[in-house]
Amino acid sequence: IQQKIDHLGLADRVLLTGGMPPDDPR
C-alpha cells in the first residue's frame, strides 16, 4: 500500500491513520 502511494505521488492525498480503539471519538 505504501509503495503504491509513493509510486503514484499520492502522499499528500492519502492518509493512513493506523488502528484506533473501538468507538474512538476520532
mmCIF file of all heavy atoms, coordinates in Angstrom:
data_MODEL
# 
_entry.id   MODEL 
# 
loop_
_atom_site.group_PDB 
_atom_site.id 
_atom_site.type_symbol 
_atom_site.label_atom_id 
_atom_site.label_alt_id 
_atom_site.label_comp_id 
_atom_site.label_asym_id 
_atom_site.label_entity_id 
_atom_site.label_seq_id 
_atom_site.pdbx_PDB_ins_code 
_atom_site.Cartn_x 
_atom_site.Cartn_y 
_atom_site.Cartn_z 
_atom_site.occupancy 
_atom_site.B_iso_or_equiv 
_atom_site.pdbx_formal_charge 
_atom_site.auth_seq_id 
_atom_site.auth_comp_id 
_atom_site.auth_asym_id 
_atom_site.auth_atom_id 
_atom_site.pdbx_PDB_model_num 
ATOM 1   N N   . ILE A 1 1  ? 0.840   -1.204 0.000   1.00 0.00 ? 1  ILE A N   1 
ATOM 2   C CA  . ILE A 1 1  ? 0.000   0.000  0.000   1.00 0.00 ? 1  ILE A CA  1 
ATOM 3   C C   . ILE A 1 1  ? 0.876   1.255  0.000   1.00 0.00 ? 1  ILE A C   1 
ATOM 4   O O   . ILE A 1 1  ? 0.660   2.180  -0.800  1.00 0.00 ? 1  ILE A O   1 
ATOM 5   C CB  . ILE A 1 1  ? -0.927  0.009  1.229   1.00 0.00 ? 1  ILE A CB  1 
ATOM 6   C CG1 . ILE A 1 1  ? -1.986  -1.101 1.124   1.00 0.00 ? 1  ILE A CG1 1 
ATOM 7   C CG2 . ILE A 1 1  ? -1.600  1.370  1.409   1.00 0.00 ? 1  ILE A CG2 1 
ATOM 8   C CD1 . ILE A 1 1  ? -3.049  -0.861 0.094   1.00 0.00 ? 1  ILE A CD1 1 
ATOM 9   N N   . GLN A 1 2  ? 1.860   1.282  0.886   1.00 0.00 ? 2  GLN A N   1 
ATOM 10  C CA  . GLN A 1 2  ? 2.718   2.463  0.986   1.00 0.00 ? 2  GLN A CA  1 
ATOM 11  C C   . GLN A 1 2  ? 3.524   2.659  -0.294  1.00 0.00 ? 2  GLN A C   1 
ATOM 12  O O   . GLN A 1 2  ? 3.700   3.806  -0.762  1.00 0.00 ? 2  GLN A O   1 
ATOM 13  C CB  . GLN A 1 2  ? 3.656   2.316  2.184   1.00 0.00 ? 2  GLN A CB  1 
ATOM 14  C CG  . GLN A 1 2  ? 4.426   3.578  2.520   1.00 0.00 ? 2  GLN A CG  1 
ATOM 15  C CD  . GLN A 1 2  ? 3.521   4.746  2.858   1.00 0.00 ? 2  GLN A CD  1 
ATOM 16  O OE1 . GLN A 1 2  ? 2.745   4.681  3.802   1.00 0.00 ? 2  GLN A OE1 1 
ATOM 17  N NE2 . GLN A 1 2  ? 3.595   5.817  2.078   1.00 0.00 ? 2  GLN A NE2 1 
ATOM 18  N N   . GLN A 1 3  ? 3.992   1.571  -0.889  1.00 0.00 ? 3  GLN A N   1 
ATOM 19  C CA  . GLN A 1 3  ? 4.747   1.675  -2.137  1.00 0.00 ? 3  GLN A CA  1 
ATOM 20  C C   . GLN A 1 3  ? 3.888   2.246  -3.263  1.00 0.00 ? 3  GLN A C   1 
ATOM 21  O O   . GLN A 1 3  ? 4.349   3.082  -4.045  1.00 0.00 ? 3  GLN A O   1 
ATOM 22  C CB  . GLN A 1 3  ? 5.291   0.306  -2.534  1.00 0.00 ? 3  GLN A CB  1 
ATOM 23  C CG  . GLN A 1 3  ? 6.409   -0.206 -1.624  1.00 0.00 ? 3  GLN A CG  1 
ATOM 24  C CD  . GLN A 1 3  ? 6.755   -1.661 -1.890  1.00 0.00 ? 3  GLN A CD  1 
ATOM 25  O OE1 . GLN A 1 3  ? 6.185   -2.304 -2.790  1.00 0.00 ? 3  GLN A OE1 1 
ATOM 26  N NE2 . GLN A 1 3  ? 7.668   -2.213 -1.100  1.00 0.00 ? 3  GLN A NE2 1 
ATOM 27  N N   . LYS A 1 4  ? 2.637   1.820  -3.344  1.00 0.00 ? 4  LYS A N   1 
ATOM 28  C CA  . LYS A 1 4  ? 1.738   2.339  -4.384  1.00 0.00 ? 4  LYS A CA  1 
ATOM 29  C C   . LYS A 1 4  ? 1.461   3.821  -4.173  1.00 0.00 ? 4  LYS A C   1 
ATOM 30  O O   . LYS A 1 4  ? 1.403   4.598  -5.130  1.00 0.00 ? 4  LYS A O   1 
ATOM 31  C CB  . LYS A 1 4  ? 0.433   1.544  -4.392  1.00 0.00 ? 4  LYS A CB  1 
ATOM 32  C CG  . LYS A 1 4  ? 0.550   0.157  -4.995  1.00 0.00 ? 4  LYS A CG  1 
ATOM 33  C CD  . LYS A 1 4  ? -0.815  -0.491 -5.189  1.00 0.00 ? 4  LYS A CD  1 
ATOM 34  C CE  . LYS A 1 4  ? -0.680  -1.829 -5.907  1.00 0.00 ? 4  LYS A CE  1 
ATOM 35  N NZ  . LYS A 1 4  ? -1.998  -2.457 -6.192  1.00 0.00 ? 4  LYS A NZ  1 
ATOM 36  N N   . ILE A 1 5  ? 1.264   4.207  -2.918  1.00 0.00 ? 5  ILE A N   1 
ATOM 37  C CA  . ILE A 1 5  ? 1.030   5.625  -2.619  1.00 0.00 ? 5  ILE A CA  1 
ATOM 38  C C   . ILE A 1 5  ? 2.228   6.456  -3.064  1.00 0.00 ? 5  ILE A C   1 
ATOM 39  O O   . ILE A 1 5  ? 2.079   7.504  -3.721  1.00 0.00 ? 5  ILE A O   1 
ATOM 40  C CB  . ILE A 1 5  ? 0.761   5.814  -1.118  1.00 0.00 ? 5  ILE A CB  1 
ATOM 41  C CG1 . ILE A 1 5  ? -0.584  5.184  -0.739  1.00 0.00 ? 5  ILE A CG1 1 
ATOM 42  C CG2 . ILE A 1 5  ? 0.776   7.294  -0.739  1.00 0.00 ? 5  ILE A CG2 1 
ATOM 43  C CD1 . ILE A 1 5  ? -0.841  5.151  0.758   1.00 0.00 ? 5  ILE A CD1 1 
ATOM 44  N N   . ASP A 1 6  ? 3.439   6.000  -2.736  1.00 0.00 ? 6  ASP A N   1 
ATOM 45  C CA  . ASP A 1 6  ? 4.657   6.737  -3.098  1.00 0.00 ? 6  ASP A CA  1 
ATOM 46  C C   . ASP A 1 6  ? 4.856   6.745  -4.614  1.00 0.00 ? 6  ASP A C   1 
ATOM 47  O O   . ASP A 1 6  ? 5.201   7.781  -5.201  1.00 0.00 ? 6  ASP A O   1 
ATOM 48  C CB  . ASP A 1 6  ? 5.868   6.110  -2.409  1.00 0.00 ? 6  ASP A CB  1 
ATOM 49  C CG  . ASP A 1 6  ? 5.803   6.234  -0.887  1.00 0.00 ? 6  ASP A CG  1 
ATOM 50  O OD1 . ASP A 1 6  ? 5.064   7.120  -0.396  1.00 0.00 ? 6  ASP A OD1 1 
ATOM 51  O OD2 . ASP A 1 6  ? 6.469   5.431  -0.203  1.00 0.00 ? 6  ASP A OD2 1 
ATOM 52  N N   . HIS A 1 7  ? 4.640   5.584  -5.246  1.00 0.00 ? 7  HIS A N   1 
ATOM 53  C CA  . HIS A 1 7  ? 4.861   5.481  -6.699  1.00 0.00 ? 7  HIS A CA  1 
ATOM 54  C C   . HIS A 1 7  ? 3.930   6.394  -7.481  1.00 0.00 ? 7  HIS A C   1 
ATOM 55  O O   . HIS A 1 7  ? 4.334   7.002  -8.490  1.00 0.00 ? 7  HIS A O   1 
ATOM 56  C CB  . HIS A 1 7  ? 4.673   4.027  -7.141  1.00 0.00 ? 7  HIS A CB  1 
ATOM 57  C CG  . HIS A 1 7  ? 4.783   3.827  -8.620  1.00 0.00 ? 7  HIS A CG  1 
ATOM 58  N ND1 . HIS A 1 7  ? 5.988   3.900  -9.301  1.00 0.00 ? 7  HIS A ND1 1 
ATOM 59  C CD2 . HIS A 1 7  ? 3.829   3.549  -9.561  1.00 0.00 ? 7  HIS A CD2 1 
ATOM 60  C CE1 . HIS A 1 7  ? 5.777   3.694  -10.586 1.00 0.00 ? 7  HIS A CE1 1 
ATOM 61  N NE2 . HIS A 1 7  ? 4.476   3.475  -10.775 1.00 0.00 ? 7  HIS A NE2 1 
ATOM 62  N N   . LEU A 1 8  ? 2.681   6.533  -7.024  1.00 0.00 ? 8  LEU A N   1 
ATOM 63  C CA  . LEU A 1 8  ? 1.705   7.363  -7.724  1.00 0.00 ? 8  LEU A CA  1 
ATOM 64  C C   . LEU A 1 8  ? 1.740   8.817  -7.275  1.00 0.00 ? 8  LEU A C   1 
ATOM 65  O O   . LEU A 1 8  ? 0.960   9.638  -7.773  1.00 0.00 ? 8  LEU A O   1 
ATOM 66  C CB  . LEU A 1 8  ? 0.300   6.785  -7.523  1.00 0.00 ? 8  LEU A CB  1 
ATOM 67  C CG  . LEU A 1 8  ? 0.047   5.395  -8.134  1.00 0.00 ? 8  LEU A CG  1 
ATOM 68  C CD1 . LEU A 1 8  ? -1.293  4.840  -7.689  1.00 0.00 ? 8  LEU A CD1 1 
ATOM 69  C CD2 . LEU A 1 8  ? 0.115   5.475  -9.663  1.00 0.00 ? 8  LEU A CD2 1 
ATOM 70  N N   . GLY A 1 9  ? 2.621   9.125  -6.335  1.00 0.00 ? 9  GLY A N   1 
ATOM 71  C CA  . GLY A 1 9  ? 2.738   10.504 -5.864  1.00 0.00 ? 9  GLY A CA  1 
ATOM 72  C C   . GLY A 1 9  ? 1.504   11.000 -5.121  1.00 0.00 ? 9  GLY A C   1 
ATOM 73  O O   . GLY A 1 9  ? 1.092   12.154 -5.279  1.00 0.00 ? 9  GLY A O   1 
ATOM 74  N N   . LEU A 1 10 ? 0.933   10.131 -4.273  1.00 0.00 ? 10 LEU A N   1 
ATOM 75  C CA  . LEU A 1 10 ? -0.328  10.459 -3.602  1.00 0.00 ? 10 LEU A CA  1 
ATOM 76  C C   . LEU A 1 10 ? -0.146  10.720 -2.108  1.00 0.00 ? 10 LEU A C   1 
ATOM 77  O O   . LEU A 1 10 ? -1.132  10.725 -1.356  1.00 0.00 ? 10 LEU A O   1 
ATOM 78  C CB  . LEU A 1 10 ? -1.330  9.321  -3.794  1.00 0.00 ? 10 LEU A CB  1 
ATOM 79  C CG  . LEU A 1 10 ? -1.673  8.938  -5.232  1.00 0.00 ? 10 LEU A CG  1 
ATOM 80  C CD1 . LEU A 1 10 ? -2.639  7.758  -5.241  1.00 0.00 ? 10 LEU A CD1 1 
ATOM 81  C CD2 . LEU A 1 10 ? -2.273  10.128 -5.970  1.00 0.00 ? 10 LEU A CD2 1 
ATOM 82  N N   . ALA A 1 11 ? 1.085   10.950 -1.682  1.00 0.00 ? 11 ALA A N   1 
ATOM 83  C CA  . ALA A 1 11 ? 1.346   11.075 -0.244  1.00 0.00 ? 11 ALA A CA  1 
ATOM 84  C C   . ALA A 1 11 ? 0.554   12.213 0.392   1.00 0.00 ? 11 ALA A C   1 
ATOM 85  O O   . ALA A 1 11 ? 0.178   12.129 1.570   1.00 0.00 ? 11 ALA A O   1 
ATOM 86  C CB  . ALA A 1 11 ? 2.840   11.274 0.002   1.00 0.00 ? 11 ALA A CB  1 
ATOM 87  N N   . ASP A 1 12 ? 0.282   13.279 -0.374  1.00 0.00 ? 12 ASP A N   1 
ATOM 88  C CA  . ASP A 1 12 ? -0.458  14.415 0.192   1.00 0.00 ? 12 ASP A CA  1 
ATOM 89  C C   . ASP A 1 12 ? -1.967  14.272 0.016   1.00 0.00 ? 12 ASP A C   1 
ATOM 90  O O   . ASP A 1 12 ? -2.719  15.166 0.431   1.00 0.00 ? 12 ASP A O   1 
ATOM 91  C CB  . ASP A 1 12 ? 0.017   15.722 -0.439  1.00 0.00 ? 12 ASP A CB  1 
ATOM 92  C CG  . ASP A 1 12 ? -0.241  15.758 -1.942  1.00 0.00 ? 12 ASP A CG  1 
ATOM 93  O OD1 . ASP A 1 12 ? -0.337  14.679 -2.560  1.00 0.00 ? 12 ASP A OD1 1 
ATOM 94  O OD2 . ASP A 1 12 ? -0.355  16.875 -2.503  1.00 0.00 ? 12 ASP A OD2 1 
ATOM 95  N N   . ARG A 1 13 ? -2.401  13.174 -0.599  1.00 0.00 ? 13 ARG A N   1 
ATOM 96  C CA  . ARG A 1 13 ? -3.832  12.984 -0.844  1.00 0.00 ? 13 ARG A CA  1 
ATOM 97  C C   . ARG A 1 13 ? -4.402  11.748 -0.153  1.00 0.00 ? 13 ARG A C   1 
ATOM 98  O O   . ARG A 1 13 ? -5.620  11.564 -0.123  1.00 0.00 ? 13 ARG A O   1 
ATOM 99  C CB  . ARG A 1 13 ? -4.104  12.863 -2.361  1.00 0.00 ? 13 ARG A CB  1 
ATOM 100 C CG  . ARG A 1 13 ? -3.550  14.004 -3.204  1.00 0.00 ? 13 ARG A CG  1 
ATOM 101 C CD  . ARG A 1 13 ? -4.279  15.306 -2.936  1.00 0.00 ? 13 ARG A CD  1 
ATOM 102 N NE  . ARG A 1 13 ? -5.671  15.258 -3.323  1.00 0.00 ? 13 ARG A NE  1 
ATOM 103 C CZ  . ARG A 1 13 ? -6.112  15.501 -4.573  1.00 0.00 ? 13 ARG A CZ  1 
ATOM 104 N NH1 . ARG A 1 13 ? -5.243  15.774 -5.557  1.00 0.00 ? 13 ARG A NH1 1 
ATOM 105 N NH2 . ARG A 1 13 ? -7.398  15.475 -4.855  1.00 0.00 ? 13 ARG A NH2 1 
ATOM 106 N N   . VAL A 1 14 ? -3.509  10.892 0.368   1.00 0.00 ? 14 VAL A N   1 
ATOM 107 C CA  . VAL A 1 14 ? -3.938  9.658  1.031   1.00 0.00 ? 14 VAL A CA  1 
ATOM 108 C C   . VAL A 1 14 ? -3.374  9.642  2.443   1.00 0.00 ? 14 VAL A C   1 
ATOM 109 O O   . VAL A 1 14 ? -2.175  9.804  2.646   1.00 0.00 ? 14 VAL A O   1 
ATOM 110 C CB  . VAL A 1 14 ? -3.464  8.404  0.263   1.00 0.00 ? 14 VAL A CB  1 
ATOM 111 C CG1 . VAL A 1 14 ? -3.913  7.139  1.000   1.00 0.00 ? 14 VAL A CG1 1 
ATOM 112 C CG2 . VAL A 1 14 ? -4.004  8.408  -1.161  1.00 0.00 ? 14 VAL A CG2 1 
ATOM 113 N N   . LEU A 1 15 ? -4.245  9.431  3.414   1.00 0.00 ? 15 LEU A N   1 
ATOM 114 C CA  . LEU A 1 15 ? -3.848  9.397  4.820   1.00 0.00 ? 15 LEU A CA  1 
ATOM 115 C C   . LEU A 1 15 ? -4.108  8.017  5.393   1.00 0.00 ? 15 LEU A C   1 
ATOM 116 O O   . LEU A 1 15 ? -5.217  7.485  5.276   1.00 0.00 ? 15 LEU A O   1 
ATOM 117 C CB  . LEU A 1 15 ? -4.635  10.441 5.624   1.00 0.00 ? 15 LEU A CB  1 
ATOM 118 C CG  . LEU A 1 15 ? -4.485  10.379 7.151   1.00 0.00 ? 15 LEU A CG  1 
ATOM 119 C CD1 . LEU A 1 15 ? -3.047  10.704 7.560   1.00 0.00 ? 15 LEU A CD1 1 
ATOM 120 C CD2 . LEU A 1 15 ? -5.472  11.333 7.827   1.00 0.00 ? 15 LEU A CD2 1 
ATOM 121 N N   . LEU A 1 16 ? -3.078  7.431  6.022   1.00 0.00 ? 16 LEU A N   1 
ATOM 122 C CA  . LEU A 1 16 ? -3.215  6.184  6.759   1.00 0.00 ? 16 LEU A CA  1 
ATOM 123 C C   . LEU A 1 16 ? -3.203  6.523  8.242   1.00 0.00 ? 16 LEU A C   1 
ATOM 124 O O   . LEU A 1 16 ? -2.197  7.002  8.767   1.00 0.00 ? 16 LEU A O   1 
ATOM 125 C CB  . LEU A 1 16 ? -2.083  5.209  6.436   1.00 0.00 ? 16 LEU A CB  1 
ATOM 126 C CG  . LEU A 1 16 ? -2.178  4.419  5.120   1.00 0.00 ? 16 LEU A CG  1 
ATOM 127 C CD1 . LEU A 1 16 ? -1.999  5.316  3.907   1.00 0.00 ? 16 LEU A CD1 1 
ATOM 128 C CD2 . LEU A 1 16 ? -1.157  3.288  5.095   1.00 0.00 ? 16 LEU A CD2 1 
ATOM 129 N N   . THR A 1 17 ? -4.312  6.288  8.922   1.00 0.00 ? 17 THR A N   1 
ATOM 130 C CA  . THR A 1 17 ? -4.419  6.685  10.328  1.00 0.00 ? 17 THR A CA  1 
ATOM 131 C C   . THR A 1 17 ? -3.864  5.655  11.282  1.00 0.00 ? 17 THR A C   1 
ATOM 132 O O   . THR A 1 17 ? -3.583  5.969  12.444  1.00 0.00 ? 17 THR A O   1 
ATOM 133 C CB  . THR A 1 17 ? -5.886  6.942  10.708  1.00 0.00 ? 17 THR A CB  1 
ATOM 134 O OG1 . THR A 1 17 ? -6.592  5.694  10.722  1.00 0.00 ? 17 THR A OG1 1 
ATOM 135 C CG2 . THR A 1 17 ? -6.548  7.900  9.734   1.00 0.00 ? 17 THR A CG2 1 
ATOM 136 N N   . GLY A 1 18 ? -3.722  4.406  10.838  1.00 0.00 ? 18 GLY A N   1 
ATOM 137 C CA  . GLY A 1 18 ? -3.417  3.333  11.763  1.00 0.00 ? 18 GLY A CA  1 
ATOM 138 C C   . GLY A 1 18 ? -4.665  2.901  12.513  1.00 0.00 ? 18 GLY A C   1 
ATOM 139 O O   . GLY A 1 18 ? -5.758  3.440  12.306  1.00 0.00 ? 18 GLY A O   1 
ATOM 140 N N   . GLY A 1 19 ? -4.495  1.921  13.394  1.00 0.00 ? 19 GLY A N   1 
ATOM 141 C CA  . GLY A 1 19 ? -5.637  1.420  14.152  1.00 0.00 ? 19 GLY A CA  1 
ATOM 142 C C   . GLY A 1 19 ? -6.062  2.384  15.242  1.00 0.00 ? 19 GLY A C   1 
ATOM 143 O O   . GLY A 1 19 ? -5.246  3.140  15.787  1.00 0.00 ? 19 GLY A O   1 
ATOM 144 N N   . MET A 1 20 ? -7.336  2.367  15.552  1.00 0.00 ? 20 MET A N   1 
ATOM 145 C CA  . MET A 1 20 ? -7.888  3.170  16.639  1.00 0.00 ? 20 MET A CA  1 
ATOM 146 C C   . MET A 1 20 ? -8.773  2.288  17.492  1.00 0.00 ? 20 MET A C   1 
ATOM 147 O O   . MET A 1 20 ? -9.407  1.366  16.979  1.00 0.00 ? 20 MET A O   1 
ATOM 148 C CB  . MET A 1 20 ? -8.683  4.356  16.080  1.00 0.00 ? 20 MET A CB  1 
ATOM 149 C CG  . MET A 1 20 ? -7.800  5.464  15.512  1.00 0.00 ? 20 MET A CG  1 
ATOM 150 S SD  . MET A 1 20 ? -8.738  6.861  14.851  1.00 0.00 ? 20 MET A SD  1 
ATOM 151 C CE  . MET A 1 20 ? -8.968  6.316  13.157  1.00 0.00 ? 20 MET A CE  1 
ATOM 152 N N   . PRO A 1 21 ? -8.823  2.548  18.799  1.00 0.00 ? 21 PRO A N   1 
ATOM 153 C CA  . PRO A 1 21 ? -9.666  1.736  19.681  1.00 0.00 ? 21 PRO A CA  1 
ATOM 154 C C   . PRO A 1 21 ? -11.128 1.792  19.259  1.00 0.00 ? 21 PRO A C   1 
ATOM 155 O O   . PRO A 1 21 ? -11.548 2.705  18.537  1.00 0.00 ? 21 PRO A O   1 
ATOM 156 C CB  . PRO A 1 21 ? -9.467  2.384  21.064  1.00 0.00 ? 21 PRO A CB  1 
ATOM 157 C CG  . PRO A 1 21 ? -8.191  3.140  20.956  1.00 0.00 ? 21 PRO A CG  1 
ATOM 158 C CD  . PRO A 1 21 ? -8.090  3.593  19.533  1.00 0.00 ? 21 PRO A CD  1 
ATOM 159 N N   . PRO A 1 22 ? -11.925 0.816  19.687  1.00 0.00 ? 22 PRO A N   1 
ATOM 160 C CA  . PRO A 1 22 ? -13.345 0.819  19.336  1.00 0.00 ? 22 PRO A CA  1 
ATOM 161 C C   . PRO A 1 22 ? -14.040 2.063  19.861  1.00 0.00 ? 22 PRO A C   1 
ATOM 162 O O   . PRO A 1 22 ? -13.760 2.533  20.959  1.00 0.00 ? 22 PRO A O   1 
ATOM 163 C CB  . PRO A 1 22 ? -13.872 -0.445 20.030  1.00 0.00 ? 22 PRO A CB  1 
ATOM 164 C CG  . PRO A 1 22 ? -12.899 -0.710 21.134  1.00 0.00 ? 22 PRO A CG  1 
ATOM 165 C CD  . PRO A 1 22 ? -11.574 -0.273 20.610  1.00 0.00 ? 22 PRO A CD  1 
ATOM 166 N N   . ASP A 1 23 ? -14.939 2.589  19.064  1.00 0.00 ? 23 ASP A N   1 
ATOM 167 C CA  . ASP A 1 23 ? -15.726 3.777  19.433  1.00 0.00 ? 23 ASP A CA  1 
ATOM 168 C C   . ASP A 1 23 ? -14.838 4.984  19.728  1.00 0.00 ? 23 ASP A C   1 
ATOM 169 O O   . ASP A 1 23 ? -15.220 5.880  20.488  1.00 0.00 ? 23 ASP A O   1 
ATOM 170 C CB  . ASP A 1 23 ? -16.636 3.480  20.625  1.00 0.00 ? 23 ASP A CB  1 
ATOM 171 C CG  . ASP A 1 23 ? -17.605 2.348  20.331  1.00 0.00 ? 23 ASP A CG  1 
ATOM 172 O OD1 . ASP A 1 23 ? -18.072 2.260  19.181  1.00 0.00 ? 23 ASP A OD1 1 
ATOM 173 O OD2 . ASP A 1 23 ? -17.895 1.557  21.245  1.00 0.00 ? 23 ASP A OD2 1 
ATOM 174 N N   . ASP A 1 24 ? -13.653 5.015  19.125  1.00 0.00 ? 24 ASP A N   1 
ATOM 175 C CA  . ASP A 1 24 ? -12.750 6.151  19.296  1.00 0.00 ? 24 ASP A CA  1 
ATOM 176 C C   . ASP A 1 24 ? -13.423 7.409  18.745  1.00 0.00 ? 24 ASP A C   1 
ATOM 177 O O   . ASP A 1 24 ? -13.893 7.422  17.607  1.00 0.00 ? 24 ASP A O   1 
ATOM 178 C CB  . ASP A 1 24 ? -11.445 5.880  18.547  1.00 0.00 ? 24 ASP A CB  1 
ATOM 179 C CG  . ASP A 1 24 ? -10.356 6.887  18.883  1.00 0.00 ? 24 ASP A CG  1 
ATOM 180 O OD1 . ASP A 1 24 ? -10.613 8.091  18.802  1.00 0.00 ? 24 ASP A OD1 1 
ATOM 181 O OD2 . ASP A 1 24 ? -9.245  6.448  19.222  1.00 0.00 ? 24 ASP A OD2 1 
ATOM 182 N N   . PRO A 1 25 ? -13.480 8.509  19.522  1.00 0.00 ? 25 PRO A N   1 
ATOM 183 C CA  . PRO A 1 25 ? -14.101 9.739  19.021  1.00 0.00 ? 25 PRO A CA  1 
ATOM 184 C C   . PRO A 1 25 ? -13.477 10.243 17.727  1.00 0.00 ? 25 PRO A C   1 
ATOM 185 O O   . PRO A 1 25 ? -14.165 10.850 16.900  1.00 0.00 ? 25 PRO A O   1 
ATOM 186 C CB  . PRO A 1 25 ? -13.881 10.733 20.172  1.00 0.00 ? 25 PRO A CB  1 
ATOM 187 C CG  . PRO A 1 25 ? -13.756 9.886  21.396  1.00 0.00 ? 25 PRO A CG  1 
ATOM 188 C CD  . PRO A 1 25 ? -13.064 8.629  20.933  1.00 0.00 ? 25 PRO A CD  1 
ATOM 189 N N   . ARG A 1 26 ? -12.177 9.980  17.534  1.00 0.00 ? 26 ARG A N   1 
ATOM 190 C CA  . ARG A 1 26 ? -11.537 10.410 16.283  1.00 0.00 ? 26 ARG A CA  1 
ATOM 191 C C   . ARG A 1 26 ? -12.131 9.681  15.083  1.00 0.00 ? 26 ARG A C   1 
ATOM 192 O O   . ARG A 1 26 ? -12.365 10.287 14.028  1.00 0.00 ? 26 ARG A O   1 
ATOM 193 C CB  . ARG A 1 26 ? -10.025 10.151 16.353  1.00 0.00 ? 26 ARG A CB  1 
ATOM 194 C CG  . ARG A 1 26 ? -9.283  10.952 17.409  1.00 0.00 ? 26 ARG A CG  1 
ATOM 195 C CD  . ARG A 1 26 ? -7.847  10.480 17.519  1.00 0.00 ? 26 ARG A CD  1 
ATOM 196 N NE  . ARG A 1 26 ? -7.802  9.072  17.941  1.00 0.00 ? 26 ARG A NE  1 
ATOM 197 C CZ  . ARG A 1 26 ? -6.701  8.318  17.920  1.00 0.00 ? 26 ARG A CZ  1 
ATOM 198 N NH1 . ARG A 1 26 ? -5.563  8.829  17.447  1.00 0.00 ? 26 ARG A NH1 1 
ATOM 199 N NH2 . ARG A 1 26 ? -6.744  7.063  18.328  1.00 0.00 ? 26 ARG A NH2 1 
# 
